[in-house]
Amino acid sequence: MGKIAPYVLYGAVKTVPGLSDVVLKGGKIYVISSKRIKRLKGLKIGGRELTEEDFRKAGEEIARSVAEARGLNFDDLTDLDGGYAFTIKEKDGVKEYRFRVNAGRYDDGKNLLVTLRWLKEHRWTVKDYFLTPLSVNPVFKRLRSNLGGLYLVIGPTGSGKSTVTAALIKEILKGPYNVITLEDPIEYRLYPDVGEITQREVGIDTPTFARGLKSAMRQNPNVIFVGEVRDEETVEALAQAADTGHVVIATLHTESPKDTLERLQGLISAGKRESVMRVIGKTLIGVLGIRMFDPPEGKGKIILHEYLNAEAPNIRSLLLKGEFSQIVTYQNSLKLGCISFAVSAAYQLEFFKNFTEKDFLSTGLFDREELRDALMQVRQNKKLLMGE
């Protein structure tokens, strides 16, 4: 049979509706669907039931493939991140399946735990995420004006940052713009309508995010996407890129705009902190926070967002002073161009009616009074919300 991993993953994908992750732990295989984990038994290939040894081989095969692609010695590694892909012939032609991979050892290094996130084909648009024009139009205004700036997309793991950002980049590619992405790994293959895109994978196409950013600035892009901000060198490089006329879109695993700015500040050493954060305060366009939830009835996904409008004078002043804790005072101010999660829900209730009040309240992000107050704000500020 040769390689076993493609057959194991393909079997899991085809067996479990709504699958998001496949977990290979030693000789066991688990699947995660709707945030619930379940051991998969009776998986067959060509009538033969797969064994524990098959699952062990599949896990090692995947981890070795990721390590080799990055020029690393698999036997020396304890933890590993990367991507894995295979093609398989189906009735309607050859199809590619891509996964984001995290691998690590356990039991004193004797066994492997390999977790794979299935990266489905990206078919969504900005409108599918119910983002208000108020929270996305600033990026396009900067592009049309040939101005740079920093736009941050934040949220916990699994919140939808990657899919929302991909939708935003697809919208950008409808115009004559040159986009360079730096990802670890590349999650969605994106294709231009009018513009051009170059997707680079950290660890394979460039050694680090910071190195890729510095290189990208010499390649005349309009937009640079940074898949994750992890260290001081990357923060410095994205601040420099935003300050030199590039629109930089970056993601962070943070909970709120205030937490995001404090996290960036914490990554910078004391001697550079004031100057770098001043550039970020000057160039920041906005911070978009994303959350996804399963509704009680299980129909579709509840997608909510919040947005901090860094271009509002009151907020810009706080950013330049480094007074991030006071930003929360303005987070609920729709008149200043900020969106709260409650306003995001009210916006959908008013314009889309995709979910009910009860569904939105089930997220636990706000209470009934907040939601009804937000609905009143939405009705009073329709033109503002639509970016007019």
Protein backbone atom coordinates (compact mmCIF):
# COMPACT_ATOMS: atom_id res chain seq x y z
CA MET A 1 0.00 0.00 0.00
CA GLY A 2 2.99 2.33 0.46
CA LYS A 3 2.05 5.40 2.45
CA ILE A 4 -0.79 4.76 4.86
CA ALA A 5 -1.44 8.31 6.15
CA PRO A 6 -3.49 9.57 3.14
CA TYR A 7 -5.85 6.59 3.42
CA VAL A 8 -6.28 7.00 7.17
CA LEU A 9 -7.07 10.72 6.86
CA TYR A 10 -9.31 10.26 3.83
CA GLY A 11 -11.23 7.55 5.66
CA ALA A 12 -11.76 9.83 8.67
CA VAL A 13 -12.86 12.77 6.52
CA LYS A 14 -15.39 10.68 4.62
CA THR A 15 -16.70 8.87 7.70
CA VAL A 16 -17.47 11.80 10.03
CA PRO A 17 -19.76 14.67 8.94
CA GLY A 18 -18.68 18.06 10.24
CA LEU A 19 -15.18 16.83 11.08
CA SER A 20 -12.70 19.55 12.01
CA ASP A 21 -9.74 17.69 13.55
CA VAL A 22 -8.19 14.23 13.34
CA VAL A 23 -6.09 13.07 16.29
CA LEU A 24 -3.62 10.20 16.02
CA LYS A 25 -2.47 9.22 19.50
CA GLY A 26 -0.18 6.22 19.53
CA GLY A 27 -2.27 3.41 18.04
CA LYS A 28 -5.60 5.22 18.41
CA ILE A 29 -7.49 7.58 16.12
CA TYR A 30 -9.94 10.21 17.32
CA VAL A 31 -12.04 12.75 15.45
CA ILE A 32 -13.34 16.10 16.64
CA SER A 33 -16.68 17.30 15.31
CA SER A 34 -18.72 20.20 16.77
CA LYS A 35 -16.06 20.52 19.49
CA ARG A 36 -16.65 16.94 20.72
CA ILE A 37 -13.96 14.26 20.58
CA LYS A 38 -14.77 10.64 19.72
CA ARG A 39 -12.61 7.58 19.17
CA LEU A 40 -13.07 6.21 15.66
CA LYS A 41 -13.35 2.44 15.36
CA GLY A 42 -13.93 0.12 12.42
CA LEU A 43 -12.19 2.37 9.87
CA LYS A 44 -11.61 0.31 6.71
CA ILE A 45 -9.58 0.56 3.51
CA GLY A 46 -10.54 -1.71 0.64
CA GLY A 47 -12.50 -3.93 3.02
CA ARG A 48 -9.57 -4.27 5.48
CA GLU A 49 -10.08 -2.85 8.96
CA LEU A 50 -7.21 -0.61 10.00
CA THR A 51 -5.15 -1.67 13.00
CA GLU A 52 -3.40 0.19 15.82
CA GLU A 53 -0.13 -0.32 13.97
CA ASP A 54 -1.62 1.42 10.91
CA PHE A 55 -2.47 4.46 13.04
CA ARG A 56 1.01 4.53 14.60
CA LYS A 57 2.59 4.40 11.14
CA ALA A 58 0.27 7.12 9.84
CA GLY A 59 1.18 9.47 12.71
CA GLU A 60 4.91 8.95 12.24
CA GLU A 61 4.60 9.26 8.47
CA ILE A 62 2.88 12.62 8.78
CA ALA A 63 5.32 13.98 11.38
CA ARG A 64 8.35 12.83 9.37
CA SER A 65 6.93 14.46 6.24
CA VAL A 66 6.50 17.81 8.03
CA ALA A 67 10.00 17.62 9.53
CA GLU A 68 11.66 16.73 6.21
CA ALA A 69 9.87 19.57 4.41
CA ARG A 70 11.45 21.96 6.92
CA GLY A 71 14.90 20.40 6.80
CA LEU A 72 14.62 19.07 10.37
CA ASN A 73 15.64 15.76 11.90
CA PHE A 74 12.44 14.05 13.04
CA ASP A 75 14.24 11.84 15.59
CA ASP A 76 15.55 14.92 17.44
CA LEU A 77 12.20 16.72 17.69
CA THR A 78 9.84 16.86 20.65
CA ASP A 79 7.30 19.29 19.14
CA LEU A 80 6.54 20.22 15.55
CA ASP A 81 4.15 22.47 13.61
CA GLY A 82 3.55 22.51 9.87
CA GLY A 83 1.31 21.40 7.04
CA TYR A 84 0.50 18.08 5.36
CA ALA A 85 -1.30 17.51 2.06
CA PHE A 86 -2.11 14.65 -0.28
CA THR A 87 -4.12 14.14 -3.45
CA ILE A 88 -6.53 11.31 -4.06
CA LYS A 89 -8.60 10.27 -7.07
CA GLU A 90 -12.34 10.64 -6.66
CA LYS A 91 -15.26 10.16 -9.06
CA ASP A 92 -15.16 13.79 -10.20
CA GLY A 93 -11.37 13.96 -10.54
CA VAL A 94 -8.26 14.32 -8.41
CA LYS A 95 -8.82 16.27 -5.18
CA GLU A 96 -6.30 17.73 -2.73
CA TYR A 97 -6.74 17.45 1.03
CA ARG A 98 -4.72 19.79 3.23
CA PHE A 99 -4.16 19.77 6.99
CA ARG A 100 -2.50 21.95 9.60
CA VAL A 101 -0.33 19.71 11.79
CA ASN A 102 0.89 19.78 15.37
CA ALA A 103 2.95 16.81 16.53
CA GLY A 104 4.48 16.08 19.91
CA ARG A 105 5.87 13.19 21.92
CA TYR A 106 4.51 11.77 25.18
CA ASP A 107 5.20 8.81 27.52
CA ASP A 108 8.91 9.72 27.86
CA GLY A 109 9.15 10.22 24.13
CA LYS A 110 7.99 6.72 23.20
CA ASN A 111 4.73 7.74 21.47
CA LEU A 112 3.45 10.45 19.14
CA LEU A 113 0.42 12.69 19.45
CA VAL A 114 -0.46 14.18 16.05
CA THR A 115 -3.35 16.62 15.74
CA LEU A 116 -4.49 17.63 12.26
CA ARG A 117 -6.89 20.47 11.45
CA TRP A 118 -8.63 19.84 8.12
CA LEU A 119 -8.23 22.93 5.94
CA LYS A 120 -11.29 22.83 3.75
CA GLU A 121 -11.49 24.80 0.53
CA HIS A 122 -12.18 28.44 1.34
CA ARG A 123 -15.52 29.36 -0.23
CA TRP A 124 -16.65 32.25 1.95
CA THR A 125 -16.80 36.00 1.46
CA VAL A 126 -16.62 38.89 3.90
CA LYS A 127 -20.43 39.07 3.81
CA ASP A 128 -20.67 35.45 4.99
CA TYR A 129 -19.12 36.53 8.30
CA PHE A 130 -21.63 39.38 8.83
CA LEU A 131 -18.83 41.91 9.23
CA THR A 132 -20.14 45.46 9.27
CA PRO A 133 -18.75 47.71 6.52
CA LEU A 134 -17.66 49.99 9.35
CA SER A 135 -15.17 47.36 10.51
CA VAL A 136 -13.65 46.39 7.12
CA ASN A 137 -13.94 49.50 4.91
CA PRO A 138 -10.95 51.24 6.60
CA VAL A 139 -8.57 48.70 5.02
CA PHE A 140 -9.88 49.44 1.52
CA LYS A 141 -9.78 53.20 2.12
CA ARG A 142 -6.09 52.91 3.01
CA LEU A 143 -5.41 50.87 -0.12
CA ARG A 144 -7.23 53.29 -2.42
CA SER A 145 -5.30 56.19 -0.88
CA ASN A 146 -1.93 54.39 -1.14
CA LEU A 147 -1.52 54.69 2.62
CA GLY A 148 -0.06 52.08 4.94
CA GLY A 149 -1.33 50.92 8.29
CA LEU A 150 -1.68 48.00 10.67
CA TYR A 151 -4.91 45.97 10.89
CA LEU A 152 -5.05 43.27 13.56
CA VAL A 153 -7.39 40.26 13.61
CA ILE A 154 -7.64 38.65 17.03
CA GLY A 155 -9.40 35.85 18.88
CA PRO A 156 -8.76 32.55 20.68
CA THR A 157 -7.84 29.33 18.87
CA GLY A 158 -10.69 28.14 16.67
CA SER A 159 -12.45 31.51 16.68
CA GLY A 160 -12.31 31.91 12.89
CA LYS A 161 -9.36 34.31 12.49
CA SER A 162 -7.86 32.38 9.58
CA THR A 163 -11.07 32.02 7.59
CA VAL A 164 -12.11 35.64 8.13
CA THR A 165 -8.67 36.91 7.15
CA ALA A 166 -8.70 34.73 4.02
CA ALA A 167 -12.09 36.21 3.08
CA LEU A 168 -10.70 39.73 3.55
CA ILE A 169 -7.66 38.96 1.37
CA LYS A 170 -9.92 37.48 -1.33
CA GLU A 171 -11.86 40.75 -1.33
CA ILE A 172 -8.62 42.72 -1.65
CA LEU A 173 -7.56 40.55 -4.61
CA LYS A 174 -10.59 41.76 -6.55
CA GLY A 175 -8.61 44.99 -6.98
CA PRO A 176 -5.21 45.63 -8.62
CA TYR A 177 -3.23 44.93 -5.47
CA ASN A 178 -0.09 42.90 -4.81
CA VAL A 179 -0.43 40.70 -1.70
CA ILE A 180 2.30 38.72 0.06
CA THR A 181 1.37 36.33 2.87
CA LEU A 182 3.61 34.79 5.54
CA GLU A 183 1.97 31.76 7.13
CA ASP A 184 2.88 28.81 9.35
CA PRO A 185 1.58 26.76 7.64
CA ILE A 186 -0.31 28.05 4.58
CA GLU A 187 -3.92 27.36 5.53
CA TYR A 188 -5.90 28.28 2.42
CA ARG A 189 -4.70 28.53 -1.16
CA LEU A 190 -5.98 31.87 -2.44
CA TYR A 191 -6.25 32.94 -6.06
CA PRO A 192 -6.47 36.48 -7.45
CA ASP A 193 -9.26 37.97 -9.55
CA VAL A 194 -7.40 41.12 -10.63
CA GLY A 195 -4.44 41.49 -8.27
CA GLU A 196 -1.58 39.10 -7.48
CA ILE A 197 -0.77 36.98 -4.43
CA THR A 198 2.38 35.20 -3.25
CA GLN A 199 1.94 32.82 -0.32
CA ARG A 200 5.09 31.92 1.62
CA GLU A 201 5.33 29.28 4.33
CA VAL A 202 7.52 29.97 7.34
CA GLY A 203 10.03 27.17 7.83
CA ILE A 204 10.02 26.26 4.15
CA ASP A 205 9.97 29.41 1.99
CA THR A 206 11.41 31.74 4.65
CA PRO A 207 13.05 30.92 8.00
CA THR A 208 11.01 33.27 10.21
CA PHE A 209 8.09 35.70 10.08
CA ALA A 210 10.47 38.61 10.74
CA ARG A 211 12.84 37.60 7.92
CA GLY A 212 9.90 37.14 5.54
CA LEU A 213 8.52 40.57 6.48
CA LYS A 214 11.83 42.30 5.81
CA SER A 215 12.06 40.54 2.44
CA ALA A 216 8.44 41.36 1.58
CA MET A 217 9.06 45.09 2.03
CA ARG A 218 11.51 44.92 -0.89
CA GLN A 219 8.99 43.18 -3.17
CA ASN A 220 6.67 46.17 -3.62
CA PRO A 221 3.48 44.73 -2.10
CA ASN A 222 0.38 46.74 -1.25
CA VAL A 223 -0.60 44.26 1.47
CA ILE A 224 1.46 41.98 3.70
CA PHE A 225 -0.32 39.34 5.77
CA VAL A 226 1.47 37.95 8.83
CA GLY A 227 -0.10 34.71 10.03
CA GLU A 228 0.93 35.11 13.66
CA VAL A 229 2.87 37.64 15.75
CA ARG A 230 5.09 35.75 18.18
CA ASP A 231 8.24 37.69 19.00
CA GLU A 232 9.95 41.07 19.27
CA GLU A 233 11.62 40.92 15.87
CA THR A 234 8.29 40.33 14.14
CA VAL A 235 6.60 43.20 16.04
CA GLU A 236 9.41 45.57 15.01
CA ALA A 237 9.24 44.45 11.38
CA LEU A 238 5.45 44.78 11.06
CA ALA A 239 5.59 48.26 12.67
CA GLN A 240 8.26 49.28 10.15
CA ALA A 241 6.25 47.86 7.24
CA ALA A 242 3.08 49.69 8.33
CA ASP A 243 5.06 52.91 8.75
CA THR A 244 6.53 52.72 5.25
CA GLY A 245 3.31 52.64 3.25
CA HIS A 246 2.23 48.98 3.40
CA VAL A 247 -1.11 47.74 4.70
CA VAL A 248 -0.11 45.01 7.16
CA ILE A 249 -2.75 42.52 8.33
CA ALA A 250 -1.71 40.31 11.23
CA THR A 251 -3.37 37.81 13.58
CA LEU A 252 -2.84 37.30 17.30
CA HIS A 253 -4.23 34.80 19.83
CA THR A 254 -5.58 37.46 22.18
CA GLU A 255 -8.98 38.07 23.76
CA SER A 256 -9.56 41.83 23.37
CA PRO A 257 -8.07 44.96 21.76
CA LYS A 258 -6.63 46.02 25.14
CA ASP A 259 -5.04 42.59 25.65
CA THR A 260 -3.65 42.74 22.12
CA LEU A 261 -1.85 46.04 22.62
CA GLU A 262 -0.50 44.91 25.99
CA ARG A 263 0.69 41.67 24.40
CA LEU A 264 2.55 43.56 21.65
CA GLN A 265 4.07 45.86 24.24
CA GLY A 266 5.15 42.88 26.34
CA LEU A 267 6.99 41.32 23.41
CA ILE A 268 9.28 44.35 23.02
CA SER A 269 12.36 44.85 25.18
CA ALA A 270 12.40 47.88 27.47
CA GLY A 271 14.95 49.84 25.43
CA LYS A 272 12.85 49.71 22.24
CA ARG A 273 9.36 49.58 23.73
CA GLU A 274 8.44 53.28 23.65
CA SER A 275 9.60 53.93 20.06
CA VAL A 276 8.06 50.75 18.56
CA MET A 277 4.74 51.16 20.36
CA ARG A 278 4.56 54.77 19.24
CA VAL A 279 4.81 53.61 15.61
CA ILE A 280 2.09 51.03 16.26
CA GLY A 281 -0.06 53.68 17.93
CA LYS A 282 0.43 55.97 14.93
CA THR A 283 -0.20 53.37 12.21
CA LEU A 284 -2.89 51.16 13.75
CA ILE A 285 -6.05 51.13 11.60
CA GLY A 286 -8.14 48.94 13.86
CA VAL A 287 -8.46 45.70 15.80
CA LEU A 288 -11.05 43.15 14.66
CA GLY A 289 -12.01 40.50 17.22
CA ILE A 290 -13.78 37.31 16.06
CA ARG A 291 -15.81 34.66 17.90
CA MET A 292 -17.66 31.59 16.61
CA PHE A 293 -20.31 29.58 18.45
CA ASP A 294 -22.56 26.60 17.86
CA PRO A 295 -26.18 27.70 18.37
CA PRO A 296 -28.44 25.65 20.68
CA GLU A 297 -30.34 24.18 17.71
CA GLY A 298 -27.11 23.32 15.89
CA LYS A 299 -27.89 25.17 12.65
CA GLY A 300 -24.84 26.82 11.12
CA LYS A 301 -22.42 28.96 13.14
CA ILE A 302 -23.03 32.09 15.14
CA ILE A 303 -20.28 34.50 14.09
CA LEU A 304 -19.82 37.71 16.06
CA HIS A 305 -17.18 40.41 15.91
CA GLU A 306 -15.98 43.47 17.77
CA TYR A 307 -13.97 46.32 16.30
CA LEU A 308 -11.77 48.99 17.83
CA ASN A 309 -11.53 52.01 15.52
CA ALA A 310 -7.97 53.21 16.12
CA GLU A 311 -8.52 56.14 13.74
CA ALA A 312 -10.94 57.87 16.14
CA PRO A 313 -9.05 60.87 17.65
CA ASN A 314 -9.88 59.95 21.26
CA ILE A 315 -8.59 56.41 20.77
CA ARG A 316 -5.54 57.46 18.75
CA SER A 317 -4.56 59.80 21.58
CA LEU A 318 -4.69 56.95 24.11
CA LEU A 319 -2.65 54.70 21.79
CA LEU A 320 0.09 57.31 21.41
CA LYS A 321 0.21 57.80 25.19
CA GLY A 322 0.31 54.04 25.77
CA GLU A 323 -2.78 54.21 27.99
CA PHE A 324 -4.27 50.95 26.75
CA SER A 325 -6.36 50.20 29.82
CA GLN A 326 -8.54 53.23 29.06
CA ILE A 327 -9.42 51.95 25.59
CA VAL A 328 -12.19 49.77 27.05
CA THR A 329 -14.08 53.01 27.84
CA TYR A 330 -14.67 53.52 24.11
CA GLN A 331 -15.14 49.91 22.96
CA ASN A 332 -18.94 50.24 23.13
CA SER A 333 -19.03 53.64 21.41
CA LEU A 334 -20.66 53.09 18.02
CA LYS A 335 -20.49 56.84 17.36
CA LEU A 336 -16.69 56.60 17.48
CA GLY A 337 -16.79 53.77 14.93
CA CYS A 338 -16.33 50.93 17.43
CA ILE A 339 -18.35 47.72 17.34
CA SER A 340 -19.15 45.61 20.40
CA PHE A 341 -20.19 41.95 20.23
CA ALA A 342 -23.69 43.05 21.24
CA VAL A 343 -23.83 45.53 18.34
CA SER A 344 -22.61 42.79 15.99
CA ALA A 345 -25.51 40.59 17.12
CA ALA A 346 -27.99 43.48 16.89
CA TYR A 347 -26.72 44.28 13.36
CA GLN A 348 -27.55 40.72 12.30
CA LEU A 349 -30.95 40.80 14.01
CA GLU A 350 -31.83 44.01 12.20
CA PHE A 351 -30.46 43.28 8.71
CA PHE A 352 -30.13 39.49 8.32
CA LYS A 353 -32.34 37.68 10.86
CA ASN A 354 -30.08 34.62 10.55
CA PHE A 355 -30.45 33.82 14.27
CA THR A 356 -32.81 34.79 17.07
CA GLU A 357 -32.23 36.85 20.19
CA LYS A 358 -32.15 33.61 22.18
CA ASP A 359 -29.40 32.21 19.93
CA PHE A 360 -27.20 35.28 20.39
CA LEU A 361 -27.75 35.34 24.15
CA SER A 362 -26.56 31.70 24.30
CA THR A 363 -23.01 32.93 23.48
CA GLY A 364 -22.71 34.45 26.96
CA LEU A 365 -20.96 37.56 25.59
CA PHE A 366 -23.73 39.92 26.70
CA ASP A 367 -27.12 39.95 28.42
CA ARG A 368 -30.62 40.79 27.12
CA GLU A 369 -30.43 44.43 28.24
CA GLU A 370 -27.12 44.96 26.41
CA LEU A 371 -28.50 43.38 23.27
CA ARG A 372 -31.64 45.49 23.25
CA ASP A 373 -29.65 48.66 23.89
CA ALA A 374 -27.36 47.66 21.00
CA LEU A 375 -30.39 47.12 18.75
CA MET A 376 -31.50 50.67 19.48
CA GLN A 377 -28.01 51.96 18.60
CA VAL A 378 -28.04 50.03 15.32
CA ARG A 379 -31.40 51.49 14.31
CA GLN A 380 -30.19 55.01 15.12
CA ASN A 381 -26.86 54.66 13.29
CA LYS A 382 -27.61 52.65 10.15
CA LYS A 383 -25.63 54.92 7.82
CA LEU A 384 -22.60 54.83 10.10
CA LEU A 385 -22.70 51.02 10.30
CA MET A 386 -22.88 50.77 6.53
CA GLY A 387 -19.71 52.87 6.27
CA GLU A 388 -21.47 55.82 4.66
